[in-house]
Amino acid sequence: MGLDQYAAAHRGEAYTNDCGEIAYPDEIYLVEWRKHPNLQGFMQGVYGDGDINGVDVNLTLEDIDALEEAIDESGLPETQGFFFGENSDEQYAEQDREFIENARDLIKDGYTVFYHSNW
């Protein structure tokens, strides 16, 4: 068990797939993280009140800009949790920056970009 995180993007009308899950005709899987607790803390701040375990957190261009600024300034919030693992901002820095670039492009192309985590 542990903190599993990913980001994806979608557009188009939602439908229910053969497994009974909500899906989109145009969905793109962007990135997967494993035990990146400070990113989890950042995304919790974007979401606001409430637990984000198992919740899709929609991200705006402003959220992506704020994430980039936080990474540039080593400002991801120090976050701990029982299943979260050790902080690993440096380990994920390149992956985070690639996500930021791709997310910006997709949002500009009309996609909804979201972050999802489970633990």
C-alpha atoms as a PDB file:
ATOM      1  CA  MET A   1       0.000   0.000   0.000  1.00  0.00           C
ATOM      2  CA  GLY A   2       1.053   3.553  -0.532  1.00  0.00           C
ATOM      3  CA  LEU A   3       0.313   6.836  -2.198  1.00  0.00           C
ATOM      4  CA  ASP A   4      -0.397   6.276  -5.901  1.00  0.00           C
ATOM      5  CA  GLN A   5      -0.946   9.373  -8.030  1.00  0.00           C
ATOM      6  CA  TYR A   6      -1.564  10.125 -11.682  1.00  0.00           C
ATOM      7  CA  ALA A   7      -2.668  12.885 -13.998  1.00  0.00           C
ATOM      8  CA  ALA A   8      -4.769  12.610 -17.135  1.00  0.00           C
ATOM      9  CA  ALA A   9      -6.742  14.811 -19.486  1.00  0.00           C
ATOM     10  CA  HIS A  10     -10.064  14.390 -21.241  1.00  0.00           C
ATOM     11  CA  ARG A  11     -12.570  16.157 -23.432  1.00  0.00           C
ATOM     12  CA  GLY A  12     -15.849  15.217 -24.979  1.00  0.00           C
ATOM     13  CA  GLU A  13     -19.019  13.909 -23.378  1.00  0.00           C
ATOM     14  CA  ALA A  14     -18.688  11.359 -20.586  1.00  0.00           C
ATOM     15  CA  TYR A  15     -20.192   7.911 -21.029  1.00  0.00           C
ATOM     16  CA  THR A  16     -20.429   4.737 -18.951  1.00  0.00           C
ATOM     17  CA  ASN A  17     -18.063   2.010 -20.177  1.00  0.00           C
ATOM     18  CA  ASP A  18     -18.587  -1.771 -20.079  1.00  0.00           C
ATOM     19  CA  CYS A  19     -17.281  -1.899 -16.485  1.00  0.00           C
ATOM     20  CA  GLY A  20     -19.837   0.672 -15.343  1.00  0.00           C
ATOM     21  CA  GLU A  21     -17.202   3.392 -14.955  1.00  0.00           C
ATOM     22  CA  ILE A  22     -17.429   6.921 -16.305  1.00  0.00           C
ATOM     23  CA  ALA A  23     -15.100   7.328 -19.277  1.00  0.00           C
ATOM     24  CA  TYR A  24     -14.434   9.846 -22.051  1.00  0.00           C
ATOM     25  CA  PRO A  25     -13.996   9.247 -25.774  1.00  0.00           C
ATOM     26  CA  ASP A  26     -10.867  11.402 -25.851  1.00  0.00           C
ATOM     27  CA  GLU A  27      -8.807  10.672 -22.736  1.00  0.00           C
ATOM     28  CA  ILE A  28      -5.034  10.949 -22.414  1.00  0.00           C
ATOM     29  CA  TYR A  29      -2.996   9.458 -19.580  1.00  0.00           C
ATOM     30  CA  LEU A  30      -0.198  11.913 -18.733  1.00  0.00           C
ATOM     31  CA  VAL A  31       1.941  10.761 -15.824  1.00  0.00           C
ATOM     32  CA  GLU A  32       2.088   8.478 -12.811  1.00  0.00           C
ATOM     33  CA  TRP A  33       3.803   9.200  -9.521  1.00  0.00           C
ATOM     34  CA  ARG A  34       4.399   6.845  -6.615  1.00  0.00           C
ATOM     35  CA  LYS A  35       4.779   8.359  -3.160  1.00  0.00           C
ATOM     36  CA  HIS A  36       5.311  12.039  -4.049  1.00  0.00           C
ATOM     37  CA  PRO A  37       3.822  13.448  -0.829  1.00  0.00           C
ATOM     38  CA  ASN A  38       4.654  17.115  -1.357  1.00  0.00           C
ATOM     39  CA  LEU A  39       2.820  17.075  -4.687  1.00  0.00           C
ATOM     40  CA  GLN A  40      -0.125  15.559  -2.808  1.00  0.00           C
ATOM     41  CA  GLY A  41       0.015  18.480  -0.371  1.00  0.00           C
ATOM     42  CA  PHE A  42       0.022  20.956  -3.241  1.00  0.00           C
ATOM     43  CA  MET A  43      -2.972  19.282  -4.877  1.00  0.00           C
ATOM     44  CA  GLN A  44      -4.823  19.215  -1.560  1.00  0.00           C
ATOM     45  CA  GLY A  45      -4.387  22.987  -1.479  1.00  0.00           C
ATOM     46  CA  VAL A  46      -5.822  23.272  -4.994  1.00  0.00           C
ATOM     47  CA  TYR A  47      -8.830  21.150  -3.999  1.00  0.00           C
ATOM     48  CA  GLY A  48      -9.458  22.945  -0.726  1.00  0.00           C
ATOM     49  CA  ASP A  49     -11.487  21.451   2.102  1.00  0.00           C
ATOM     50  CA  GLY A  50     -12.089  17.730   2.174  1.00  0.00           C
ATOM     51  CA  ASP A  51     -10.099  14.613   1.516  1.00  0.00           C
ATOM     52  CA  ILE A  52      -8.785  14.082  -2.034  1.00  0.00           C
ATOM     53  CA  ASN A  53      -8.293  10.326  -1.690  1.00  0.00           C
ATOM     54  CA  GLY A  54      -9.982   8.887  -4.790  1.00  0.00           C
ATOM     55  CA  VAL A  55     -11.137  12.299  -6.055  1.00  0.00           C
ATOM     56  CA  ASP A  56     -10.369  13.892  -9.431  1.00  0.00           C
ATOM     57  CA  VAL A  57      -8.907  17.362  -8.853  1.00  0.00           C
ATOM     58  CA  ASN A  58      -9.475  19.499 -11.965  1.00  0.00           C
ATOM     59  CA  LEU A  59      -6.546  21.784 -12.733  1.00  0.00           C
ATOM     60  CA  THR A  60      -6.651  25.193 -14.399  1.00  0.00           C
ATOM     61  CA  LEU A  61      -3.831  27.037 -16.146  1.00  0.00           C
ATOM     62  CA  GLU A  62      -3.491  29.098 -12.966  1.00  0.00           C
ATOM     63  CA  ASP A  63      -3.042  25.912 -10.915  1.00  0.00           C
ATOM     64  CA  ILE A  64      -0.379  24.667 -13.351  1.00  0.00           C
ATOM     65  CA  ASP A  65       1.419  28.040 -13.154  1.00  0.00           C
ATOM     66  CA  ALA A  66       1.299  27.912  -9.347  1.00  0.00           C
ATOM     67  CA  LEU A  67       2.709  24.366  -9.394  1.00  0.00           C
ATOM     68  CA  GLU A  68       5.583  25.477 -11.605  1.00  0.00           C
ATOM     69  CA  GLU A  69       6.291  28.429  -9.325  1.00  0.00           C
ATOM     70  CA  ALA A  70       6.263  26.193  -6.252  1.00  0.00           C
ATOM     71  CA  ILE A  71       8.702  23.754  -7.891  1.00  0.00           C
ATOM     72  CA  ASP A  72      10.987  26.596  -9.074  1.00  0.00           C
ATOM     73  CA  GLU A  73      11.114  28.000  -5.565  1.00  0.00           C
ATOM     74  CA  SER A  74      11.334  24.584  -3.838  1.00  0.00           C
ATOM     75  CA  GLY A  75       8.017  25.521  -2.331  1.00  0.00           C
ATOM     76  CA  LEU A  76       5.917  22.366  -2.537  1.00  0.00           C
ATOM     77  CA  PRO A  77       4.362  22.090   0.905  1.00  0.00           C
ATOM     78  CA  GLU A  78       5.998  19.601   3.250  1.00  0.00           C
ATOM     79  CA  THR A  79       3.404  16.834   3.461  1.00  0.00           C
ATOM     80  CA  GLN A  80       3.291  13.636   5.477  1.00  0.00           C
ATOM     81  CA  GLY A  81       0.875  10.764   5.680  1.00  0.00           C
ATOM     82  CA  PHE A  82       0.959   7.190   6.905  1.00  0.00           C
ATOM     83  CA  PHE A  83       1.096   5.710   3.380  1.00  0.00           C
ATOM     84  CA  PHE A  84       2.822   8.659   1.677  1.00  0.00           C
ATOM     85  CA  GLY A  85       6.511   7.683   1.913  1.00  0.00           C
ATOM     86  CA  GLU A  86       9.444  10.075   2.096  1.00  0.00           C
ATOM     87  CA  ASN A  87       9.549  13.452   0.391  1.00  0.00           C
ATOM     88  CA  SER A  88      11.139  13.123  -3.023  1.00  0.00           C
ATOM     89  CA  ASP A  89      10.820  16.440  -4.842  1.00  0.00           C
ATOM     90  CA  GLU A  90      14.228  16.117  -6.544  1.00  0.00           C
ATOM     91  CA  GLN A  91      13.462  12.578  -7.694  1.00  0.00           C
ATOM     92  CA  TYR A  92      10.348  13.780  -9.511  1.00  0.00           C
ATOM     93  CA  ALA A  93      11.505  17.240 -10.664  1.00  0.00           C
ATOM     94  CA  GLU A  94      11.973  16.304 -14.337  1.00  0.00           C
ATOM     95  CA  GLN A  95       8.712  14.354 -14.434  1.00  0.00           C
ATOM     96  CA  ASP A  96       6.869  17.246 -12.752  1.00  0.00           C
ATOM     97  CA  ARG A  97       8.187  19.737 -15.317  1.00  0.00           C
ATOM     98  CA  GLU A  98       7.206  17.486 -18.225  1.00  0.00           C
ATOM     99  CA  PHE A  99       3.721  17.195 -16.737  1.00  0.00           C
ATOM    100  CA  ILE A 100       3.461  20.993 -16.438  1.00  0.00           C
ATOM    101  CA  GLU A 101       4.422  21.490 -20.091  1.00  0.00           C
ATOM    102  CA  ASN A 102       2.011  18.831 -21.350  1.00  0.00           C
ATOM    103  CA  ALA A 103      -0.829  19.993 -19.102  1.00  0.00           C
ATOM    104  CA  ARG A 104      -0.524  23.573 -20.350  1.00  0.00           C
ATOM    105  CA  ASP A 105      -0.677  22.465 -23.971  1.00  0.00           C
ATOM    106  CA  LEU A 106      -3.690  20.225 -23.385  1.00  0.00           C
ATOM    107  CA  ILE A 107      -5.654  22.851 -21.455  1.00  0.00           C
ATOM    108  CA  LYS A 108      -5.032  25.305 -24.300  1.00  0.00           C
ATOM    109  CA  ASP A 109      -6.345  22.631 -26.690  1.00  0.00           C
ATOM    110  CA  GLY A 110      -9.615  22.367 -24.772  1.00  0.00           C
ATOM    111  CA  TYR A 111      -8.894  19.397 -22.512  1.00  0.00           C
ATOM    112  CA  THR A 112      -9.729  19.174 -18.833  1.00  0.00           C
ATOM    113  CA  VAL A 113      -6.594  18.139 -16.944  1.00  0.00           C
ATOM    114  CA  PHE A 114      -7.006  16.419 -13.601  1.00  0.00           C
ATOM    115  CA  TYR A 115      -4.970  14.881 -10.793  1.00  0.00           C
ATOM    116  CA  HIS A 116      -6.050  11.730  -8.982  1.00  0.00           C
ATOM    117  CA  SER A 117      -4.612   9.913  -5.968  1.00  0.00           C
ATOM    118  CA  ASN A 118      -5.357   6.847  -3.866  1.00  0.00           C
ATOM    119  CA  TRP A 119      -3.805   5.443  -0.726  1.00  0.00           C
END
